[in-house]
Amino acid sequence: MKVYEDNFLRLMLLMPELKTFGKQCRGVLLQDGLHVDVLERHKYTTVIRLAQNLPLDFMSAAIPTMIVRVYHDAEVAEVLSYQRHYRFKGKYSYPNPDMCHVREKQRVNEFLGEWLDFCLARDVPVRAAALV
């Protein structure tokens, strides 16, 4: 549960205005090509898509993309999908047909934390601009 709480805090540091974005907000562009789309907005939750254009010299690299549900009342954030992989189980047997890590759900949420830490550690100040 600590991973989810820490990810919520990182998201609030990166985008303090996330709680106030309405359904009409289609996206937010942050530093270094990090793009946030608000997919759903409800009273206690927001579902966002995070994607980042990486400054790479070749086009074969995939753009990292995650869908995250943010629970404002519980102050946690949980990854719903990563690179088109959905519905992570809490634990997988090993080996399994999809070759998922035994603790795939935990690992993908830890990766979200590392990604957000990377964004927070950048020297470029965070600038949010709503794309309506």
Protein backbone atom coordinates (compact mmCIF):
# COMPACT_ATOMS: atom_id res chain seq x y z
CA MET A 1 0.00 0.00 0.00
CA LYS A 2 2.96 2.33 0.62
CA VAL A 3 3.84 2.26 -3.10
CA TYR A 4 0.34 3.50 -3.98
CA GLU A 5 0.48 6.25 -1.35
CA ASP A 6 3.93 7.39 -2.47
CA ASN A 7 2.80 7.49 -6.10
CA PHE A 8 -0.14 9.68 -5.12
CA LEU A 9 2.20 12.10 -3.34
CA ARG A 10 4.54 12.19 -6.36
CA LEU A 11 1.63 12.92 -8.69
CA MET A 12 0.42 15.74 -6.43
CA LEU A 13 3.93 17.24 -6.40
CA LEU A 14 4.09 17.00 -10.17
CA MET A 15 0.52 18.19 -10.78
CA PRO A 16 -1.01 19.84 -7.70
CA GLU A 17 -3.99 20.98 -9.77
CA LEU A 18 -4.97 17.40 -10.70
CA LYS A 19 -7.84 17.43 -8.18
CA THR A 20 -9.40 20.42 -9.90
CA PHE A 21 -9.20 19.22 -13.51
CA GLY A 22 -12.69 18.65 -14.84
CA LYS A 23 -14.03 16.32 -17.51
CA GLN A 24 -13.63 19.09 -20.08
CA CYS A 25 -9.82 19.03 -19.65
CA ARG A 26 -8.52 16.82 -22.45
CA GLY A 27 -4.87 16.92 -21.51
CA VAL A 28 -1.99 18.58 -19.76
CA LEU A 29 1.50 19.01 -21.13
CA LEU A 30 4.24 19.01 -18.53
CA GLN A 31 8.01 19.26 -18.70
CA ASP A 32 10.15 17.18 -21.05
CA GLY A 33 7.29 15.95 -23.19
CA LEU A 34 5.31 14.33 -20.37
CA HIS A 35 1.69 14.39 -21.45
CA VAL A 36 -1.25 13.73 -19.13
CA ASP A 37 -4.75 13.04 -20.45
CA VAL A 38 -7.73 13.06 -18.10
CA LEU A 39 -9.79 10.06 -19.22
CA GLU A 40 -12.39 9.99 -16.45
CA ARG A 41 -13.26 12.35 -13.63
CA HIS A 42 -15.56 11.36 -10.78
CA LYS A 43 -16.21 12.69 -7.29
CA TYR A 44 -13.45 10.67 -5.60
CA THR A 45 -11.35 9.37 -8.50
CA THR A 46 -9.59 10.53 -11.63
CA VAL A 47 -8.27 8.23 -14.36
CA ILE A 48 -5.32 9.65 -16.28
CA ARG A 49 -3.08 8.52 -19.10
CA LEU A 50 0.63 9.34 -18.76
CA ALA A 51 2.83 9.29 -21.85
CA GLN A 52 6.27 10.71 -22.48
CA ASN A 53 7.97 11.46 -25.76
CA LEU A 54 11.57 10.47 -25.28
CA PRO A 55 14.35 12.41 -27.02
CA LEU A 56 15.69 9.43 -28.96
CA ASP A 57 17.39 9.44 -32.33
CA PHE A 58 15.51 6.42 -33.60
CA MET A 59 11.80 5.80 -33.96
CA SER A 60 11.74 2.14 -32.91
CA ALA A 61 11.49 2.90 -29.19
CA ALA A 62 8.03 2.67 -27.71
CA ILE A 63 6.61 5.74 -26.01
CA PRO A 64 6.08 4.83 -22.33
CA THR A 65 2.35 4.95 -21.63
CA MET A 66 0.42 4.19 -18.43
CA ILE A 67 -3.17 4.52 -17.33
CA VAL A 68 -3.43 5.37 -13.64
CA ARG A 69 -6.44 5.66 -11.34
CA VAL A 70 -6.00 8.33 -8.67
CA TYR A 71 -8.16 7.93 -5.56
CA HIS A 72 -8.40 11.42 -4.04
CA ASP A 73 -10.24 10.33 -0.89
CA ALA A 74 -7.83 7.50 -0.02
CA GLU A 75 -4.83 9.41 -1.43
CA VAL A 76 -3.47 6.52 -3.47
CA ALA A 77 -2.66 6.02 -7.16
CA GLU A 78 -2.79 2.63 -8.90
CA VAL A 79 -1.61 1.59 -12.36
CA LEU A 80 -4.44 0.13 -14.43
CA SER A 81 -2.45 -0.53 -17.59
CA TYR A 82 1.06 -0.26 -18.96
CA GLN A 83 1.99 -0.56 -22.66
CA ARG A 84 -1.40 -2.17 -23.46
CA HIS A 85 -1.22 -4.72 -20.61
CA TYR A 86 -4.37 -4.56 -18.45
CA ARG A 87 -5.75 -6.10 -15.29
CA PHE A 88 -2.67 -7.10 -13.39
CA LYS A 89 -3.11 -9.89 -10.89
CA GLY A 90 -1.65 -9.56 -7.43
CA LYS A 91 0.46 -12.68 -7.93
CA TYR A 92 1.26 -14.94 -10.89
CA SER A 93 2.49 -18.50 -10.93
CA TYR A 94 5.83 -18.91 -12.64
CA PRO A 95 6.26 -19.71 -15.44
CA ASN A 96 3.01 -18.44 -16.90
CA PRO A 97 1.81 -18.12 -20.52
CA ASP A 98 2.36 -14.35 -20.67
CA MET A 99 5.73 -14.57 -18.87
CA CYS A 100 4.63 -11.99 -16.31
CA HIS A 101 6.77 -11.34 -13.26
CA VAL A 102 5.53 -13.17 -10.16
CA ARG A 103 4.60 -9.80 -8.62
CA GLU A 104 3.81 -7.93 -11.85
CA LYS A 105 1.28 -5.54 -10.27
CA GLN A 106 3.75 -4.47 -7.61
CA ARG A 107 6.57 -4.06 -10.13
CA VAL A 108 4.55 -1.89 -12.52
CA ASN A 109 3.47 0.37 -9.64
CA GLU A 110 7.09 0.62 -8.50
CA PHE A 111 8.03 1.59 -12.06
CA LEU A 112 5.42 4.38 -11.95
CA GLY A 113 7.15 5.66 -8.81
CA GLU A 114 10.54 5.60 -10.52
CA TRP A 115 9.13 7.36 -13.58
CA LEU A 116 7.55 10.09 -11.45
CA ASP A 117 10.79 10.46 -9.46
CA PHE A 118 12.63 10.93 -12.76
CA CYS A 119 10.17 13.65 -13.78
CA LEU A 120 10.45 15.37 -10.41
CA ALA A 121 14.26 15.26 -10.45
CA ARG A 122 14.58 17.05 -13.81
CA ASP A 123 16.18 20.48 -13.69
CA VAL A 124 13.44 21.95 -15.85
CA PRO A 125 10.70 23.48 -13.65
CA VAL A 126 7.28 21.89 -13.96
CA ARG A 127 5.02 23.89 -16.26
CA ALA A 128 1.46 22.69 -16.68
CA ALA A 129 -0.65 23.95 -19.54
CA ALA A 130 -4.18 22.63 -19.91
CA LEU A 131 -5.18 21.60 -23.42
CA VAL A 132 -8.91 22.16 -23.68
